[in-house]
Amino acid sequence: MPLSPSATRELLAQLGHAPKRFLGQNFLIDGNIVRKSLALAEIAAGDIVVEVGPGLGTLTTALLETGAEVWAVEKDRTLHAHLESALAPRFPQTLHLLEGDAVEHPLAGLEVGPAFRAGLGEDATQAGTQAASEKRPHLEFKIVANLPYAIATPWLDEVLAGLLPARMVLMLQQEAARRYAASPGSKSFGAISVFLQAAYDVAPGHKVAAACFFPRPEVESHLLNLVRRPAPFVFPAPAKALIRACFQQRRKQIGALLRGRLPAAVTGWRELLAADGLSEQTRPEAIPVATWMRLSALMPPLT
């Protein structure tokens, strides 16, 4: 279970380590939140779990004690060394610890074959399938992440471009959690909301008070609970680029935006919008995820 605030201070002093704000180092000190994280992710013995930002190892230890196999990435050298000495000897077969940047290593070094990336599955080539089977065929895994605000969106973008985990439980600042789960028509709804909700359903999560961390952050957090949809949709790169560009001018009408970007498909996108009860005057933030998914089929490949 988590260390108390005083024990956390003592351990940090022993390590000669001052929490780094730019890395989002607010250490969990509430056992109820640890248990809630495991419950939301439905962690069971034998699960493969990717953890981002293990810190002092509070959640890491709880995951390992369930019998899960944990792949963890920690950027801070001092904390990585602490985890290597404190946890690796206890769990030599089930802890895989990587020192590095989570955006560069979104799955903490967990390798999967190309046949199973981005939901390609059985449609992949024979060569790709063979490569996958030599690693982890039909891999299912989960992610439990404590994400600093600065890397949350770029990290999530990387995850959504690869093999999709079955579940994700993400500790986020409330503002980020609201953006990811936002509904069309709200000011928080943006490109990352579209990309995420095309592949995941947002299940009930859990509010996390600032008092659950040491040092205490200035804002409250939220455990965002994401469950992969039965038929997850992954936007191709050209579609993602266009959707981002539209949301960068979110107050403009979609007709004006698409005429300049999809001039060869004007009839197609006009008919598609009309079929969904929308018009050229609709703004990007009011367009549902399902409509963006259908619009993506009209976008030419990148050259």
C-alpha atoms as a PDB file:
ATOM      1  CA  MET A   1       0.000   0.000   0.000  1.00  0.00           C
ATOM      2  CA  PRO A   2       1.135   3.601  -0.463  1.00  0.00           C
ATOM      3  CA  LEU A   3       3.584   5.297   1.811  1.00  0.00           C
ATOM      4  CA  SER A   4       2.281   7.957   4.166  1.00  0.00           C
ATOM      5  CA  PRO A   5       3.281  11.576   3.473  1.00  0.00           C
ATOM      6  CA  SER A   6       5.981  11.406   6.138  1.00  0.00           C
ATOM      7  CA  ALA A   7       7.318   8.062   4.877  1.00  0.00           C
ATOM      8  CA  THR A   8       7.291   9.419   1.324  1.00  0.00           C
ATOM      9  CA  ARG A   9       9.316  12.440   2.442  1.00  0.00           C
ATOM     10  CA  GLU A  10      11.765  10.159   4.255  1.00  0.00           C
ATOM     11  CA  LEU A  11      12.244   7.900   1.237  1.00  0.00           C
ATOM     12  CA  LEU A  12      12.761  10.864  -1.069  1.00  0.00           C
ATOM     13  CA  ALA A  13      15.325  12.255   1.366  1.00  0.00           C
ATOM     14  CA  GLN A  14      17.144   8.898   1.433  1.00  0.00           C
ATOM     15  CA  LEU A  15      17.232   8.944  -2.358  1.00  0.00           C
ATOM     16  CA  GLY A  16      18.389  12.564  -2.351  1.00  0.00           C
ATOM     17  CA  HIS A  17      15.529  13.346  -4.667  1.00  0.00           C
ATOM     18  CA  ALA A  18      13.324  16.437  -4.844  1.00  0.00           C
ATOM     19  CA  PRO A  19      10.035  15.939  -6.752  1.00  0.00           C
ATOM     20  CA  LYS A  20      10.251  17.468 -10.227  1.00  0.00           C
ATOM     21  CA  ARG A  21       7.199  19.453 -11.115  1.00  0.00           C
ATOM     22  CA  PHE A  22       7.868  19.377 -14.867  1.00  0.00           C
ATOM     23  CA  LEU A  23       7.730  15.563 -14.735  1.00  0.00           C
ATOM     24  CA  GLY A  24       4.457  15.596 -12.821  1.00  0.00           C
ATOM     25  CA  GLN A  25       6.027  13.935  -9.785  1.00  0.00           C
ATOM     26  CA  ASN A  26       3.154  13.911  -7.329  1.00  0.00           C
ATOM     27  CA  PHE A  27       3.336  10.578  -5.545  1.00  0.00           C
ATOM     28  CA  LEU A  28       0.193   8.657  -4.651  1.00  0.00           C
ATOM     29  CA  ILE A  29      -0.329   8.270  -0.885  1.00  0.00           C
ATOM     30  CA  ASP A  30      -3.910   6.983  -0.798  1.00  0.00           C
ATOM     31  CA  GLY A  31      -4.474   3.223  -0.758  1.00  0.00           C
ATOM     32  CA  ASN A  32      -8.086   3.576  -1.832  1.00  0.00           C
ATOM     33  CA  ILE A  33      -6.989   5.131  -5.124  1.00  0.00           C
ATOM     34  CA  VAL A  34      -4.521   2.295  -5.728  1.00  0.00           C
ATOM     35  CA  ARG A  35      -7.297  -0.246  -5.186  1.00  0.00           C
ATOM     36  CA  LYS A  36      -9.678   1.779  -7.363  1.00  0.00           C
ATOM     37  CA  SER A  37      -7.152   1.885 -10.205  1.00  0.00           C
ATOM     38  CA  LEU A  38      -6.773  -1.892 -10.160  1.00  0.00           C
ATOM     39  CA  ALA A  39     -10.534  -2.392  -9.940  1.00  0.00           C
ATOM     40  CA  LEU A  40     -11.306  -0.072 -12.860  1.00  0.00           C
ATOM     41  CA  ALA A  41      -8.690  -1.811 -15.010  1.00  0.00           C
ATOM     42  CA  GLU A  42     -10.018  -5.207 -13.877  1.00  0.00           C
ATOM     43  CA  ILE A  43      -6.488  -6.419 -13.203  1.00  0.00           C
ATOM     44  CA  ALA A  44      -6.133 -10.173 -12.743  1.00  0.00           C
ATOM     45  CA  ALA A  45      -3.276 -12.646 -12.423  1.00  0.00           C
ATOM     46  CA  GLY A  46      -1.599 -13.194 -15.759  1.00  0.00           C
ATOM     47  CA  ASP A  47      -2.593  -9.831 -17.228  1.00  0.00           C
ATOM     48  CA  ILE A  48       0.005  -7.876 -19.167  1.00  0.00           C
ATOM     49  CA  VAL A  49      -0.008  -4.288 -17.942  1.00  0.00           C
ATOM     50  CA  VAL A  50       1.883  -1.265 -19.229  1.00  0.00           C
ATOM     51  CA  GLU A  51       2.513   1.354 -16.544  1.00  0.00           C
ATOM     52  CA  VAL A  52       3.629   4.886 -17.303  1.00  0.00           C
ATOM     53  CA  GLY A  53       5.337   6.852 -14.549  1.00  0.00           C
ATOM     54  CA  PRO A  54       5.807   4.237 -11.790  1.00  0.00           C
ATOM     55  CA  GLY A  55       7.579   6.788  -9.566  1.00  0.00           C
ATOM     56  CA  LEU A  56       8.279   5.251  -6.175  1.00  0.00           C
ATOM     57  CA  GLY A  57       6.576   1.998  -7.184  1.00  0.00           C
ATOM     58  CA  THR A  58       3.342   2.217  -5.191  1.00  0.00           C
ATOM     59  CA  LEU A  59       0.995   1.176  -7.997  1.00  0.00           C
ATOM     60  CA  THR A  60       3.685  -0.998  -9.586  1.00  0.00           C
ATOM     61  CA  THR A  61       3.916  -3.117  -6.449  1.00  0.00           C
ATOM     62  CA  ALA A  62       0.144  -3.511  -6.231  1.00  0.00           C
ATOM     63  CA  LEU A  63      -0.016  -4.593  -9.879  1.00  0.00           C
ATOM     64  CA  LEU A  64       2.781  -7.123  -9.447  1.00  0.00           C
ATOM     65  CA  GLU A  65       1.231  -8.538  -6.289  1.00  0.00           C
ATOM     66  CA  THR A  66      -1.900  -9.461  -8.249  1.00  0.00           C
ATOM     67  CA  GLY A  67       0.243 -11.721 -10.433  1.00  0.00           C
ATOM     68  CA  ALA A  68       0.222  -9.372 -13.417  1.00  0.00           C
ATOM     69  CA  GLU A  69       3.209  -8.931 -15.724  1.00  0.00           C
ATOM     70  CA  VAL A  70       4.204  -5.261 -15.687  1.00  0.00           C
ATOM     71  CA  TRP A  71       6.057  -3.268 -18.329  1.00  0.00           C
ATOM     72  CA  ALA A  72       6.925   0.132 -16.852  1.00  0.00           C
ATOM     73  CA  VAL A  73       8.674   3.193 -18.239  1.00  0.00           C
ATOM     74  CA  GLU A  74      10.219   5.791 -15.913  1.00  0.00           C
ATOM     75  CA  LYS A  75      12.055   8.855 -17.180  1.00  0.00           C
ATOM     76  CA  ASP A  76      13.650   9.946 -13.922  1.00  0.00           C
ATOM     77  CA  ARG A  77      17.036   8.243 -13.495  1.00  0.00           C
ATOM     78  CA  THR A  78      16.986   8.318  -9.688  1.00  0.00           C
ATOM     79  CA  LEU A  79      13.516   6.773  -9.460  1.00  0.00           C
ATOM     80  CA  HIS A  80      14.367   4.202 -12.118  1.00  0.00           C
ATOM     81  CA  ALA A  81      17.426   3.152 -10.093  1.00  0.00           C
ATOM     82  CA  HIS A  82      15.278   2.928  -6.952  1.00  0.00           C
ATOM     83  CA  LEU A  83      12.772   0.663  -8.693  1.00  0.00           C
ATOM     84  CA  GLU A  84      15.577  -1.504 -10.066  1.00  0.00           C
ATOM     85  CA  SER A  85      16.960  -2.077  -6.585  1.00  0.00           C
ATOM     86  CA  ALA A  86      13.711  -2.237  -4.613  1.00  0.00           C
ATOM     87  CA  LEU A  87      11.340  -4.113  -6.931  1.00  0.00           C
ATOM     88  CA  ALA A  88      13.265  -5.926  -9.644  1.00  0.00           C
ATOM     89  CA  PRO A  89      14.794  -8.514  -7.249  1.00  0.00           C
ATOM     90  CA  ARG A  90      11.336  -9.268  -5.796  1.00  0.00           C
ATOM     91  CA  PHE A  91       9.697  -9.755  -9.182  1.00  0.00           C
ATOM     92  CA  PRO A  92      12.458 -10.907 -11.543  1.00  0.00           C
ATOM     93  CA  GLN A  93      10.103 -12.655 -13.977  1.00  0.00           C
ATOM     94  CA  THR A  94       7.209 -10.226 -14.111  1.00  0.00           C
ATOM     95  CA  LEU A  95       8.706  -6.725 -13.899  1.00  0.00           C
ATOM     96  CA  HIS A  96      10.166  -5.214 -17.067  1.00  0.00           C
ATOM     97  CA  LEU A  97      11.521  -1.760 -16.297  1.00  0.00           C
ATOM     98  CA  LEU A  98      12.650   0.744 -18.900  1.00  0.00           C
ATOM     99  CA  GLU A  99      14.363   4.066 -18.322  1.00  0.00           C
ATOM    100  CA  GLY A 100      13.141   6.487 -20.965  1.00  0.00           C
ATOM    101  CA  ASP A 101      10.566   8.944 -22.254  1.00  0.00           C
ATOM    102  CA  ALA A 102       7.004   7.622 -22.346  1.00  0.00           C
ATOM    103  CA  VAL A 103       6.220   9.477 -25.589  1.00  0.00           C
ATOM    104  CA  GLU A 104       9.140   7.706 -27.263  1.00  0.00           C
ATOM    105  CA  HIS A 105       8.259   4.399 -25.576  1.00  0.00           C
ATOM    106  CA  PRO A 106       4.468   4.531 -25.133  1.00  0.00           C
ATOM    107  CA  LEU A 107       4.262   0.803 -24.370  1.00  0.00           C
ATOM    108  CA  ALA A 108       7.326   0.765 -22.087  1.00  0.00           C
ATOM    109  CA  GLY A 109       9.265  -1.532 -24.417  1.00  0.00           C
ATOM    110  CA  LEU A 110       6.505  -4.115 -24.786  1.00  0.00           C
ATOM    111  CA  GLU A 111       6.965  -5.458 -28.305  1.00  0.00           C
ATOM    112  CA  VAL A 112       4.167  -6.623 -30.541  1.00  0.00           C
ATOM    113  CA  GLY A 113       4.237  -7.858 -34.095  1.00  0.00           C
ATOM    114  CA  PRO A 114       3.096  -5.625 -36.962  1.00  0.00           C
ATOM    115  CA  ALA A 115       0.166  -7.914 -37.802  1.00  0.00           C
ATOM    116  CA  PHE A 116      -1.683  -6.804 -34.700  1.00  0.00           C
ATOM    117  CA  ARG A 117      -1.011  -3.084 -34.742  1.00  0.00           C
ATOM    118  CA  ALA A 118      -3.912  -0.651 -34.923  1.00  0.00           C
ATOM    119  CA  GLY A 119      -6.499  -3.422 -35.045  1.00  0.00           C
ATOM    120  CA  LEU A 120      -5.187  -4.941 -38.308  1.00  0.00           C
ATOM    121  CA  GLY A 121      -5.406  -8.481 -36.920  1.00  0.00           C
ATOM    122  CA  GLU A 122      -6.238 -11.233 -39.366  1.00  0.00           C
ATOM    123  CA  ASP A 123      -6.140  -8.959 -42.418  1.00  0.00           C
ATOM    124  CA  ALA A 124      -2.376  -8.595 -42.134  1.00  0.00           C
ATOM    125  CA  THR A 125       0.046 -10.267 -44.471  1.00  0.00           C
ATOM    126  CA  GLN A 126       1.387 -13.741 -43.852  1.00  0.00           C
ATOM    127  CA  ALA A 127       4.848 -12.297 -43.244  1.00  0.00           C
ATOM    128  CA  GLY A 128       3.465  -9.867 -40.713  1.00  0.00           C
ATOM    129  CA  THR A 129       1.535 -12.604 -38.947  1.00  0.00           C
ATOM    130  CA  GLN A 130       4.661 -14.708 -38.679  1.00  0.00           C
ATOM    131  CA  ALA A 131       6.594 -11.777 -37.222  1.00  0.00           C
ATOM    132  CA  ALA A 132       3.850 -11.215 -34.659  1.00  0.00           C
ATOM    133  CA  SER A 133       3.720 -14.847 -33.620  1.00  0.00           C
ATOM    134  CA  GLU A 134       7.449 -14.776 -32.940  1.00  0.00           C
ATOM    135  CA  LYS A 135       6.802 -12.021 -30.404  1.00  0.00           C
ATOM    136  CA  ARG A 136       3.356 -12.066 -28.747  1.00  0.00           C
ATOM    137  CA  PRO A 137       0.586 -13.327 -31.047  1.00  0.00           C
ATOM    138  CA  HIS A 138      -2.921 -12.028 -30.376  1.00  0.00           C
ATOM    139  CA  LEU A 139      -1.528  -9.942 -27.559  1.00  0.00           C
ATOM    140  CA  GLU A 140      -4.027  -8.423 -25.152  1.00  0.00           C
ATOM    141  CA  PHE A 141      -2.784  -5.951 -22.608  1.00  0.00           C
ATOM    142  CA  LYS A 142      -3.925  -3.067 -20.439  1.00  0.00           C
ATOM    143  CA  ILE A 143      -2.464   0.318 -19.580  1.00  0.00           C
ATOM    144  CA  VAL A 144      -2.390   2.012 -16.185  1.00  0.00           C
ATOM    145  CA  ALA A 145      -0.774   5.430 -16.499  1.00  0.00           C
ATOM    146  CA  ASN A 146      -0.064   8.426 -14.297  1.00  0.00           C
ATOM    147  CA  LEU A 147       0.320  11.076 -16.975  1.00  0.00           C
ATOM    148  CA  PRO A 148       1.882  14.507 -16.516  1.00  0.00           C
ATOM    149  CA  TYR A 149      -0.221  17.150 -18.250  1.00  0.00           C
ATOM    150  CA  ALA A 150       2.532  18.081 -20.717  1.00  0.00           C
ATOM    151  CA  ILE A 151       2.824  14.619 -22.273  1.00  0.00           C
ATOM    152  CA  ALA A 152      -0.721  13.277 -21.909  1.00  0.00           C
ATOM    153  CA  THR A 153      -1.965  14.115 -25.412  1.00  0.00           C
ATOM    154  CA  PRO A 154       1.203  13.274 -27.406  1.00  0.00           C
ATOM    155  CA  TRP A 155       1.535   9.992 -25.488  1.00  0.00           C
ATOM    156  CA  LEU A 156      -2.105   9.104 -26.124  1.00  0.00           C
ATOM    157  CA  ASP A 157      -1.667   9.939 -29.810  1.00  0.00           C
ATOM    158  CA  GLU A 158       1.170   7.415 -29.980  1.00  0.00           C
ATOM    159  CA  VAL A 159      -0.875   4.730 -28.229  1.00  0.00           C
ATOM    160  CA  LEU A 160      -3.827   5.238 -30.579  1.00  0.00           C
ATOM    161  CA  ALA A 161      -1.518   4.749 -33.575  1.00  0.00           C
ATOM    162  CA  GLY A 162      -0.380   1.294 -32.457  1.00  0.00           C
ATOM    163  CA  LEU A 163      -1.790  -1.874 -30.982  1.00  0.00           C
ATOM    164  CA  LEU A 164      -4.830  -0.857 -28.951  1.00  0.00           C
ATOM    165  CA  PRO A 165      -4.956  -2.027 -25.334  1.00  0.00           C
ATOM    166  CA  ALA A 166      -8.126  -3.677 -24.107  1.00  0.00           C
ATOM    167  CA  ARG A 167      -8.490  -1.158 -21.285  1.00  0.00           C
ATOM    168  CA  MET A 168      -6.782   2.019 -20.125  1.00  0.00           C
ATOM    169  CA  VAL A 169      -7.033   3.648 -16.715  1.00  0.00           C
ATOM    170  CA  LEU A 170      -5.351   7.033 -16.907  1.00  0.00           C
ATOM    171  CA  MET A 171      -4.609   9.316 -13.967  1.00  0.00           C
ATOM    172  CA  LEU A 172      -4.999  12.788 -15.447  1.00  0.00           C
ATOM    173  CA  GLN A 173      -5.563  16.347 -14.425  1.00  0.00           C
ATOM    174  CA  GLN A 174      -9.302  16.975 -14.489  1.00  0.00           C
ATOM    175  CA  GLU A 175      -8.964  19.398 -17.391  1.00  0.00           C
ATOM    176  CA  ALA A 176      -7.337  16.757 -19.593  1.00  0.00           C
ATOM    177  CA  ALA A 177      -9.868  14.110 -18.579  1.00  0.00           C
ATOM    178  CA  ARG A 178     -12.714  16.464 -19.506  1.00  0.00           C
ATOM    179  CA  ARG A 179     -11.206  17.099 -22.943  1.00  0.00           C
ATOM    180  CA  TYR A 180     -10.770  13.429 -23.718  1.00  0.00           C
ATOM    181  CA  ALA A 181     -14.309  12.517 -22.636  1.00  0.00           C
ATOM    182  CA  ALA A 182     -16.000  15.677 -23.985  1.00  0.00           C
ATOM    183  CA  SER A 183     -19.178  15.462 -26.045  1.00  0.00           C
ATOM    184  CA  PRO A 184     -19.698  17.158 -29.425  1.00  0.00           C
ATOM    185  CA  GLY A 185     -20.975  20.692 -29.009  1.00  0.00           C
ATOM    186  CA  SER A 186     -18.891  21.441 -25.930  1.00  0.00           C
ATOM    187  CA  LYS A 187     -15.904  23.780 -25.856  1.00  0.00           C
ATOM    188  CA  SER A 188     -13.712  20.944 -24.580  1.00  0.00           C
ATOM    189  CA  PHE A 189     -14.446  18.705 -27.583  1.00  0.00           C
ATOM    190  CA  GLY A 190     -11.421  18.573 -29.860  1.00  0.00           C
ATOM    191  CA  ALA A 191      -9.371  16.420 -32.205  1.00  0.00           C
ATOM    192  CA  ILE A 192      -8.018  14.168 -29.434  1.00  0.00           C
ATOM    193  CA  SER A 193     -11.606  13.610 -28.229  1.00  0.00           C
ATOM    194  CA  VAL A 194     -12.494  12.390 -31.731  1.00  0.00           C
ATOM    195  CA  PHE A 195      -9.493  10.075 -32.065  1.00  0.00           C
ATOM    196  CA  LEU A 196      -9.966   8.564 -28.617  1.00  0.00           C
ATOM    197  CA  GLN A 197     -13.726   8.085 -28.711  1.00  0.00           C
ATOM    198  CA  ALA A 198     -13.569   6.428 -32.130  1.00  0.00           C
ATOM    199  CA  ALA A 199     -11.678   3.576 -30.489  1.00  0.00           C
ATOM    200  CA  TYR A 200     -12.788   3.644 -26.828  1.00  0.00           C
ATOM    201  CA  ASP A 201     -15.917   3.955 -24.752  1.00  0.00           C
ATOM    202  CA  VAL A 202     -15.603   6.141 -21.684  1.00  0.00           C
ATOM    203  CA  ALA A 203     -16.718   4.092 -18.665  1.00  0.00           C
ATOM    204  CA  PRO A 204     -17.388   5.507 -15.189  1.00  0.00           C
ATOM    205  CA  GLY A 205     -14.136   6.718 -13.663  1.00  0.00           C
ATOM    206  CA  HIS A 206     -13.226   8.235 -10.324  1.00  0.00           C
ATOM    207  CA  LYS A 207     -12.451  11.716  -9.041  1.00  0.00           C
ATOM    208  CA  VAL A 208      -9.138  11.964  -7.199  1.00  0.00           C
ATOM    209  CA  ALA A 209      -8.604  14.723  -4.650  1.00  0.00           C
ATOM    210  CA  ALA A 210      -5.345  16.665  -4.498  1.00  0.00           C
ATOM    211  CA  ALA A 211      -4.866  15.386  -0.932  1.00  0.00           C
ATOM    212  CA  CYS A 212      -4.225  11.896  -2.343  1.00  0.00           C
ATOM    213  CA  PHE A 213      -0.759  12.970  -3.529  1.00  0.00           C
ATOM    214  CA  PHE A 214       2.532  14.185  -2.123  1.00  0.00           C
ATOM    215  CA  PRO A 215       3.467  16.857  -2.830  1.00  0.00           C
ATOM    216  CA  ARG A 216      -0.088  18.063  -3.116  1.00  0.00           C
ATOM    217  CA  PRO A 217      -0.829  19.339  -6.658  1.00  0.00           C
ATOM    218  CA  GLU A 218      -2.655  22.578  -7.290  1.00  0.00           C
ATOM    219  CA  VAL A 219      -5.456  20.855  -9.218  1.00  0.00           C
ATOM    220  CA  GLU A 220      -7.589  17.768  -8.699  1.00  0.00           C
ATOM    221  CA  SER A 221      -7.222  14.683 -10.822  1.00  0.00           C
ATOM    222  CA  HIS A 222      -9.438  12.041 -12.374  1.00  0.00           C
ATOM    223  CA  LEU A 223      -9.085   8.355 -13.169  1.00  0.00           C
ATOM    224  CA  LEU A 224     -10.284   8.145 -16.766  1.00  0.00           C
ATOM    225  CA  ASN A 225     -11.628   4.653 -17.461  1.00  0.00           C
ATOM    226  CA  LEU A 226     -11.467   3.609 -21.117  1.00  0.00           C
ATOM    227  CA  VAL A 227     -12.731   0.354 -22.600  1.00  0.00           C
ATOM    228  CA  ARG A 228     -11.877  -0.586 -26.164  1.00  0.00           C
ATOM    229  CA  ARG A 229     -14.919  -0.595 -28.425  1.00  0.00           C
ATOM    230  CA  PRO A 230     -15.990  -3.890 -30.055  1.00  0.00           C
ATOM    231  CA  ALA A 231     -15.011  -2.433 -33.457  1.00  0.00           C
ATOM    232  CA  PRO A 232     -12.446   0.281 -32.690  1.00  0.00           C
ATOM    233  CA  PHE A 233     -11.757   2.798 -35.450  1.00  0.00           C
ATOM    234  CA  VAL A 234      -8.256   4.143 -36.024  1.00  0.00           C
ATOM    235  CA  PHE A 235      -8.009   7.268 -38.161  1.00  0.00           C
ATOM    236  CA  PRO A 236      -5.362   7.150 -40.922  1.00  0.00           C
ATOM    237  CA  ALA A 237      -2.670   9.804 -40.794  1.00  0.00           C
ATOM    238  CA  PRO A 238      -4.204  12.036 -43.530  1.00  0.00           C
ATOM    239  CA  ALA A 239      -7.532  12.091 -41.698  1.00  0.00           C
ATOM    240  CA  LYS A 240      -5.884  12.960 -38.394  1.00  0.00           C
ATOM    241  CA  ALA A 241      -3.981  15.812 -40.017  1.00  0.00           C
ATOM    242  CA  LEU A 242      -7.164  17.237 -41.553  1.00  0.00           C
ATOM    243  CA  ILE A 243      -9.195  16.897 -38.348  1.00  0.00           C
ATOM    244  CA  ARG A 244      -6.479  18.645 -36.339  1.00  0.00           C
ATOM    245  CA  ALA A 245      -6.389  21.452 -38.900  1.00  0.00           C
ATOM    246  CA  CYS A 246     -10.166  21.882 -38.686  1.00  0.00           C
ATOM    247  CA  PHE A 247     -10.121  22.101 -34.891  1.00  0.00           C
ATOM    248  CA  GLN A 248      -7.318  24.648 -34.994  1.00  0.00           C
ATOM    249  CA  GLN A 249      -9.934  26.897 -36.642  1.00  0.00           C
ATOM    250  CA  ARG A 250     -12.856  25.563 -34.623  1.00  0.00           C
ATOM    251  CA  ARG A 251     -14.962  28.722 -34.926  1.00  0.00           C
ATOM    252  CA  LYS A 252     -14.983  28.509 -38.728  1.00  0.00           C
ATOM    253  CA  GLN A 253     -17.787  26.692 -40.516  1.00  0.00           C
ATOM    254  CA  ILE A 254     -16.981  23.205 -41.746  1.00  0.00           C
ATOM    255  CA  GLY A 255     -17.952  24.056 -45.328  1.00  0.00           C
ATOM    256  CA  ALA A 256     -15.289  26.735 -45.577  1.00  0.00           C
ATOM    257  CA  LEU A 257     -12.724  24.438 -44.021  1.00  0.00           C
ATOM    258  CA  LEU A 258     -13.426  21.444 -46.241  1.00  0.00           C
ATOM    259  CA  ARG A 259     -13.720  23.353 -49.499  1.00  0.00           C
ATOM    260  CA  GLY A 260     -10.081  24.328 -49.188  1.00  0.00           C
ATOM    261  CA  ARG A 261      -8.904  20.918 -47.981  1.00  0.00           C
ATOM    262  CA  LEU A 262     -11.101  18.455 -49.911  1.00  0.00           C
ATOM    263  CA  PRO A 263     -11.887  20.299 -53.138  1.00  0.00           C
ATOM    264  CA  ALA A 264     -12.203  17.076 -55.127  1.00  0.00           C
ATOM    265  CA  ALA A 265     -14.809  15.603 -52.767  1.00  0.00           C
ATOM    266  CA  VAL A 266     -17.195  18.548 -52.304  1.00  0.00           C
ATOM    267  CA  THR A 267     -20.267  16.596 -53.402  1.00  0.00           C
ATOM    268  CA  GLY A 268     -19.323  13.675 -51.167  1.00  0.00           C
ATOM    269  CA  TRP A 269     -18.848  15.612 -47.951  1.00  0.00           C
ATOM    270  CA  ARG A 270     -21.901  17.791 -48.566  1.00  0.00           C
ATOM    271  CA  GLU A 271     -24.063  14.695 -48.964  1.00  0.00           C
ATOM    272  CA  LEU A 272     -22.489  13.047 -45.934  1.00  0.00           C
ATOM    273  CA  LEU A 273     -23.108  16.064 -43.715  1.00  0.00           C
ATOM    274  CA  ALA A 274     -26.714  16.327 -44.913  1.00  0.00           C
ATOM    275  CA  ALA A 275     -27.308  12.632 -44.234  1.00  0.00           C
ATOM    276  CA  ASP A 276     -26.192  13.178 -40.631  1.00  0.00           C
ATOM    277  CA  GLY A 277     -28.453  16.209 -40.197  1.00  0.00           C
ATOM    278  CA  LEU A 278     -25.576  18.691 -40.464  1.00  0.00           C
ATOM    279  CA  SER A 279     -24.803  21.519 -42.869  1.00  0.00           C
ATOM    280  CA  GLU A 280     -21.913  23.522 -44.263  1.00  0.00           C
ATOM    281  CA  GLN A 281     -22.548  26.041 -41.484  1.00  0.00           C
ATOM    282  CA  THR A 282     -21.806  23.478 -38.761  1.00  0.00           C
ATOM    283  CA  ARG A 283     -18.620  24.101 -36.789  1.00  0.00           C
ATOM    284  CA  PRO A 284     -16.042  21.329 -36.167  1.00  0.00           C
ATOM    285  CA  GLU A 285     -16.815  21.102 -32.447  1.00  0.00           C
ATOM    286  CA  ALA A 286     -20.452  20.216 -33.221  1.00  0.00           C
ATOM    287  CA  ILE A 287     -19.668  17.287 -35.542  1.00  0.00           C
ATOM    288  CA  PRO A 288     -20.112  13.852 -33.908  1.00  0.00           C
ATOM    289  CA  VAL A 289     -17.327  11.275 -33.847  1.00  0.00           C
ATOM    290  CA  ALA A 290     -19.247   8.957 -36.197  1.00  0.00           C
ATOM    291  CA  THR A 291     -19.449  11.704 -38.825  1.00  0.00           C
ATOM    292  CA  TRP A 292     -15.709  12.368 -38.629  1.00  0.00           C
ATOM    293  CA  MET A 293     -15.180   8.627 -39.115  1.00  0.00           C
ATOM    294  CA  ARG A 294     -17.249   8.667 -42.312  1.00  0.00           C
ATOM    295  CA  LEU A 295     -15.588  11.856 -43.535  1.00  0.00           C
ATOM    296  CA  SER A 296     -12.198  10.191 -43.217  1.00  0.00           C
ATOM    297  CA  ALA A 297     -13.081   7.862 -46.111  1.00  0.00           C
ATOM    298  CA  LEU A 298     -13.161  10.904 -48.446  1.00  0.00           C
ATOM    299  CA  MET A 299      -9.627  12.001 -47.627  1.00  0.00           C
ATOM    300  CA  PRO A 300      -6.870  11.242 -50.134  1.00  0.00           C
ATOM    301  CA  PRO A 301      -3.743   9.447 -48.914  1.00  0.00           C
ATOM    302  CA  LEU A 302      -0.650  11.414 -48.033  1.00  0.00           C
ATOM    303  CA  THR A 303       1.846  11.732 -50.870  1.00  0.00           C
END
